[in-house]
Amino acid sequence: PDSEHAMVLEDYFEHAERLSAGPSSPRLLLTFTCEVWKLHGWERRLRDRAVVAAVEARPLVSAPAPDDPSVRFRHCEHCLEVERGDFVIPSAVTPVDASRLRNFARDPRDRKFLACFHGEHAATKTRADVARGYQEVNETVRPELLRHFKDRPDVSVGGPAMGYSFFMGASHFCLVPKGRGFWTVRLFEAFYAGCIPVLLSDDCALPFEGWLDWSRFSVKWPMHRAGDGLYEHLASL
């Protein structure tokens, strides 16, 4: 119930404020692990006491679009503040999933697919609530990617598949399109599968960009050109 949730949240905030009350008290570390930062009211109560570590630098906030009622969210531009010490972290891959991806990872000489992508999207027919979730954020790159790649040779694309780990482990490139947020766990799953991630998420903030040259081990492609020369570009590499 909302009343019980509010009480638990208030207890959490009071405890956090006590921990950081003194002038020499350490700052709090708030960790957010999805595209929605699920701690209502944290900015008002803890912003000046905390450092944020998040997988999504521009989290989704409720803000219906006046010209399209189906679009119910927008990305917050200034929630993550680097000048305060906030930073982007890698997304977690569960040990079970990581082990499965490693087990299916083939030697590059034995990979039979050029590229692959299997996942949900705004045009999915399997679950209306899932499709609606993508439509609420006006996600378009995944359907566009599927439309342009579905008839290409040496490519495996489509909806969720039982052989997800197999397809990734048998591909040279793993397509990583934007989902509901700009971040996606697929980027980090690709490393376990041993395929080169192809990121189609223009505003994705990557972890440790100050230390890692992501262009050396990944490909970034503009979202609006999902079907414009991407296959040919990958085939030429």
Protein backbone atom coordinates (compact mmCIF):
# COMPACT_ATOMS: atom_id res chain seq x y z
CA PRO A 1 0.00 0.00 0.00
CA ASP A 2 1.10 3.58 -0.67
CA SER A 3 0.94 4.51 3.01
CA GLU A 4 3.27 1.65 3.99
CA HIS A 5 5.63 2.48 1.14
CA ALA A 6 5.75 6.11 2.26
CA MET A 7 6.59 5.05 5.82
CA VAL A 8 9.42 2.77 4.68
CA LEU A 9 10.76 5.50 2.41
CA GLU A 10 10.66 8.05 5.22
CA ASP A 11 12.55 5.68 7.52
CA TYR A 12 15.16 5.20 4.79
CA PHE A 13 15.61 8.93 4.28
CA GLU A 14 15.87 9.62 8.02
CA HIS A 15 18.50 6.89 8.40
CA ALA A 16 20.47 8.22 5.41
CA GLU A 17 20.32 11.76 6.78
CA ARG A 18 21.65 10.62 10.15
CA LEU A 19 24.55 8.82 8.47
CA SER A 20 25.56 11.97 6.63
CA ALA A 21 24.65 14.59 9.23
CA GLY A 22 28.06 15.53 10.62
CA PRO A 23 30.48 17.95 8.92
CA SER A 24 33.05 15.17 8.59
CA SER A 25 30.55 12.46 7.62
CA PRO A 26 31.22 10.67 4.32
CA ARG A 27 28.91 11.36 1.41
CA LEU A 28 26.27 8.77 0.61
CA LEU A 29 26.56 6.61 -2.49
CA LEU A 30 23.25 6.14 -4.29
CA THR A 31 23.25 3.40 -6.94
CA PHE A 32 20.61 3.24 -9.68
CA THR A 33 20.62 0.14 -11.87
CA CYS A 34 17.94 0.77 -14.51
CA GLU A 35 16.57 3.52 -16.74
CA VAL A 36 14.21 4.76 -14.01
CA TRP A 37 15.83 5.97 -10.78
CA LYS A 38 13.41 4.31 -8.35
CA LEU A 39 13.82 6.39 -5.21
CA HIS A 40 11.07 8.97 -5.21
CA GLY A 41 12.09 12.23 -3.54
CA TRP A 42 15.82 11.51 -3.35
CA GLU A 43 16.74 14.83 -5.01
CA ARG A 44 14.95 16.85 -2.34
CA ARG A 45 16.21 14.84 0.62
CA LEU A 46 19.65 13.57 -0.37
CA ARG A 47 21.00 15.42 -3.40
CA ASP A 48 23.45 17.58 -1.41
CA ARG A 49 24.61 14.62 0.67
CA ALA A 50 25.15 12.02 -2.04
CA VAL A 51 27.14 10.88 -5.05
CA VAL A 52 25.17 9.02 -7.71
CA ALA A 53 26.41 5.91 -9.52
CA ALA A 54 24.03 4.93 -12.32
CA VAL A 55 23.88 2.82 -15.46
CA GLU A 56 21.63 5.45 -17.11
CA ALA A 57 22.95 9.01 -17.16
CA ARG A 58 19.63 10.42 -18.41
CA PRO A 59 16.94 8.52 -16.51
CA LEU A 60 13.30 8.41 -17.54
CA VAL A 61 10.89 10.71 -15.73
CA SER A 62 7.14 10.93 -16.14
CA ALA A 63 6.32 13.73 -18.59
CA PRO A 64 3.53 13.07 -21.13
CA ALA A 65 4.14 14.59 -24.55
CA PRO A 66 1.47 17.21 -25.38
CA ASP A 67 1.39 16.21 -29.05
CA ASP A 68 1.36 12.42 -28.52
CA PRO A 69 -0.51 10.96 -25.50
CA SER A 70 1.13 7.55 -25.99
CA VAL A 71 4.56 9.02 -25.13
CA ARG A 72 4.50 9.27 -21.34
CA PHE A 73 8.17 9.72 -20.42
CA ARG A 74 11.14 11.91 -21.23
CA HIS A 75 14.82 11.71 -20.37
CA CYS A 76 16.06 13.88 -17.51
CA GLU A 77 18.93 15.99 -18.85
CA HIS A 78 20.58 17.00 -15.58
CA CYS A 79 19.87 14.26 -13.02
CA LEU A 80 23.41 12.91 -13.20
CA GLU A 81 25.81 15.74 -12.34
CA VAL A 82 29.46 14.99 -13.05
CA GLU A 83 30.57 18.17 -11.30
CA ARG A 84 29.16 16.77 -8.06
CA GLY A 85 31.12 13.55 -8.52
CA ASP A 86 28.32 11.46 -10.08
CA PHE A 87 29.47 8.77 -12.50
CA VAL A 88 28.23 6.07 -14.89
CA ILE A 89 28.77 2.42 -13.98
CA PRO A 90 28.60 -0.77 -16.08
CA SER A 91 25.39 -2.75 -16.00
CA ALA A 92 25.49 -6.00 -14.04
CA VAL A 93 25.24 -9.33 -15.86
CA THR A 94 24.14 -12.13 -13.55
CA PRO A 95 26.68 -14.92 -12.98
CA VAL A 96 24.29 -17.44 -14.55
CA ASP A 97 23.86 -15.35 -17.71
CA ALA A 98 27.58 -14.56 -17.89
CA SER A 99 28.46 -18.25 -17.62
CA ARG A 100 25.94 -19.19 -20.31
CA LEU A 101 27.26 -16.53 -22.68
CA ARG A 102 30.87 -17.64 -22.13
CA ASN A 103 29.94 -21.27 -22.73
CA PHE A 104 28.40 -20.46 -26.11
CA ALA A 105 31.20 -18.11 -27.22
CA ARG A 106 32.91 -19.63 -30.25
CA ASP A 107 36.30 -19.02 -31.77
CA PRO A 108 36.03 -16.18 -34.33
CA ARG A 109 36.82 -18.65 -37.14
CA ASP A 110 33.78 -20.73 -36.17
CA ARG A 111 31.20 -17.93 -35.97
CA LYS A 112 28.62 -18.30 -38.71
CA PHE A 113 26.68 -15.04 -38.30
CA LEU A 114 27.88 -11.59 -39.20
CA ALA A 115 25.53 -9.97 -36.70
CA CYS A 116 22.59 -10.71 -34.44
CA PHE A 117 19.87 -9.09 -32.35
CA HIS A 118 16.99 -10.78 -30.53
CA GLY A 119 14.78 -8.81 -28.17
CA GLU A 120 11.54 -7.00 -27.45
CA HIS A 121 10.57 -3.77 -29.20
CA ALA A 122 7.74 -1.30 -29.75
CA ALA A 123 6.15 -3.42 -32.48
CA THR A 124 6.34 -6.75 -30.65
CA LYS A 125 3.29 -8.98 -30.96
CA THR A 126 4.04 -11.26 -28.01
CA ARG A 127 2.92 -8.98 -25.16
CA ALA A 128 0.88 -5.80 -25.42
CA ASP A 129 2.24 -4.42 -22.14
CA VAL A 130 5.83 -4.83 -23.32
CA ALA A 131 5.07 -3.09 -26.62
CA ARG A 132 3.33 -0.30 -24.73
CA GLY A 133 6.38 0.14 -22.50
CA TYR A 134 8.55 0.85 -25.54
CA GLN A 135 5.90 3.02 -27.17
CA GLU A 136 5.73 5.18 -24.02
CA VAL A 137 9.29 6.34 -24.67
CA ASN A 138 8.89 6.56 -28.47
CA GLU A 139 11.42 3.80 -29.14
CA THR A 140 11.87 3.37 -32.91
CA VAL A 141 15.38 2.06 -33.58
CA ARG A 142 14.69 -1.62 -32.79
CA PRO A 143 11.76 -2.03 -35.25
CA GLU A 144 13.80 -0.17 -37.88
CA LEU A 145 16.77 -2.43 -37.30
CA LEU A 146 14.64 -5.56 -37.63
CA ARG A 147 12.98 -4.27 -40.80
CA HIS A 148 16.29 -3.65 -42.55
CA PHE A 149 18.18 -6.72 -41.32
CA LYS A 150 15.56 -9.49 -41.43
CA ASP A 151 16.30 -10.55 -45.02
CA ARG A 152 20.07 -10.09 -44.93
CA PRO A 153 22.32 -13.14 -45.31
CA ASP A 154 24.40 -14.34 -42.36
CA VAL A 155 22.28 -12.39 -39.86
CA SER A 156 20.01 -13.56 -37.06
CA VAL A 157 17.47 -10.97 -35.87
CA GLY A 158 14.02 -11.16 -34.34
CA GLY A 159 12.14 -11.23 -31.08
CA PRO A 160 13.25 -12.96 -27.87
CA ALA A 161 14.76 -16.38 -28.61
CA MET A 162 15.58 -19.45 -26.54
CA GLY A 163 18.92 -19.55 -28.34
CA TYR A 164 19.83 -15.97 -27.37
CA SER A 165 23.25 -16.88 -25.95
CA PHE A 166 23.96 -19.22 -28.88
CA PHE A 167 23.23 -16.51 -31.46
CA MET A 168 25.47 -14.01 -29.67
CA GLY A 169 28.27 -16.55 -29.31
CA ALA A 170 28.03 -17.45 -32.99
CA SER A 171 28.12 -13.82 -34.23
CA HIS A 172 31.02 -11.53 -35.02
CA PHE A 173 28.97 -8.44 -34.16
CA CYS A 174 26.17 -8.09 -31.61
CA LEU A 175 23.72 -5.29 -32.38
CA VAL A 176 23.00 -3.19 -29.29
CA PRO A 177 20.09 -0.84 -30.03
CA LYS A 178 18.58 1.58 -27.54
CA GLY A 179 15.77 0.15 -25.44
CA ARG A 180 13.54 2.08 -23.04
CA GLY A 181 16.61 3.90 -21.78
CA PHE A 182 19.78 4.86 -23.58
CA TRP A 183 21.79 2.26 -21.63
CA THR A 184 21.33 -1.45 -22.26
CA VAL A 185 22.68 -4.56 -20.57
CA ARG A 186 23.24 -6.06 -24.04
CA LEU A 187 26.39 -3.96 -24.34
CA PHE A 188 27.99 -5.84 -21.46
CA GLU A 189 26.53 -9.22 -22.43
CA ALA A 190 28.37 -8.85 -25.75
CA PHE A 191 31.72 -8.89 -23.95
CA TYR A 192 30.95 -12.24 -22.33
CA ALA A 193 29.79 -13.61 -25.70
CA GLY A 194 33.01 -12.45 -27.35
CA CYS A 195 31.24 -10.49 -30.08
CA ILE A 196 31.94 -6.86 -31.00
CA PRO A 197 29.10 -4.64 -29.73
CA VAL A 198 27.49 -2.31 -32.27
CA LEU A 199 25.88 0.46 -30.23
CA LEU A 200 22.83 2.22 -31.71
CA SER A 201 22.07 4.64 -28.89
CA ASP A 202 23.13 8.20 -29.64
CA ASP A 203 22.98 9.54 -26.08
CA CYS A 204 24.26 6.53 -24.18
CA ALA A 205 26.87 7.61 -21.62
CA LEU A 206 29.48 4.88 -21.44
CA PRO A 207 31.27 3.97 -18.21
CA PHE A 208 34.90 5.00 -17.74
CA GLU A 209 35.03 7.01 -20.98
CA GLY A 210 37.89 9.03 -19.50
CA TRP A 211 40.06 5.91 -19.29
CA LEU A 212 38.77 3.59 -22.02
CA ASP A 213 38.88 4.20 -25.75
CA TRP A 214 35.59 2.53 -26.63
CA SER A 215 36.22 2.93 -30.36
CA ARG A 216 38.95 0.26 -30.09
CA PHE A 217 36.57 -2.54 -29.11
CA SER A 218 33.09 -1.41 -30.20
CA VAL A 219 31.26 0.24 -33.07
CA LYS A 220 28.91 3.20 -32.63
CA TRP A 221 26.33 3.85 -35.34
CA PRO A 222 23.75 6.69 -35.54
CA MET A 223 20.27 5.59 -34.55
CA HIS A 224 18.59 7.34 -37.48
CA ARG A 225 20.76 5.32 -39.88
CA ALA A 226 19.89 1.89 -38.45
CA GLY A 227 19.10 0.62 -41.95
CA ASP A 228 21.37 2.93 -43.90
CA GLY A 229 24.56 1.10 -44.80
CA LEU A 230 25.14 -0.57 -41.42
CA TYR A 231 25.11 -4.11 -42.82
CA GLU A 232 27.54 -3.15 -45.60
CA HIS A 233 29.79 -1.38 -43.10
CA LEU A 234 29.99 -4.41 -40.81
CA ALA A 235 30.56 -6.77 -43.73
CA SER A 236 33.50 -4.66 -44.84
CA LEU A 237 35.32 -4.78 -41.49
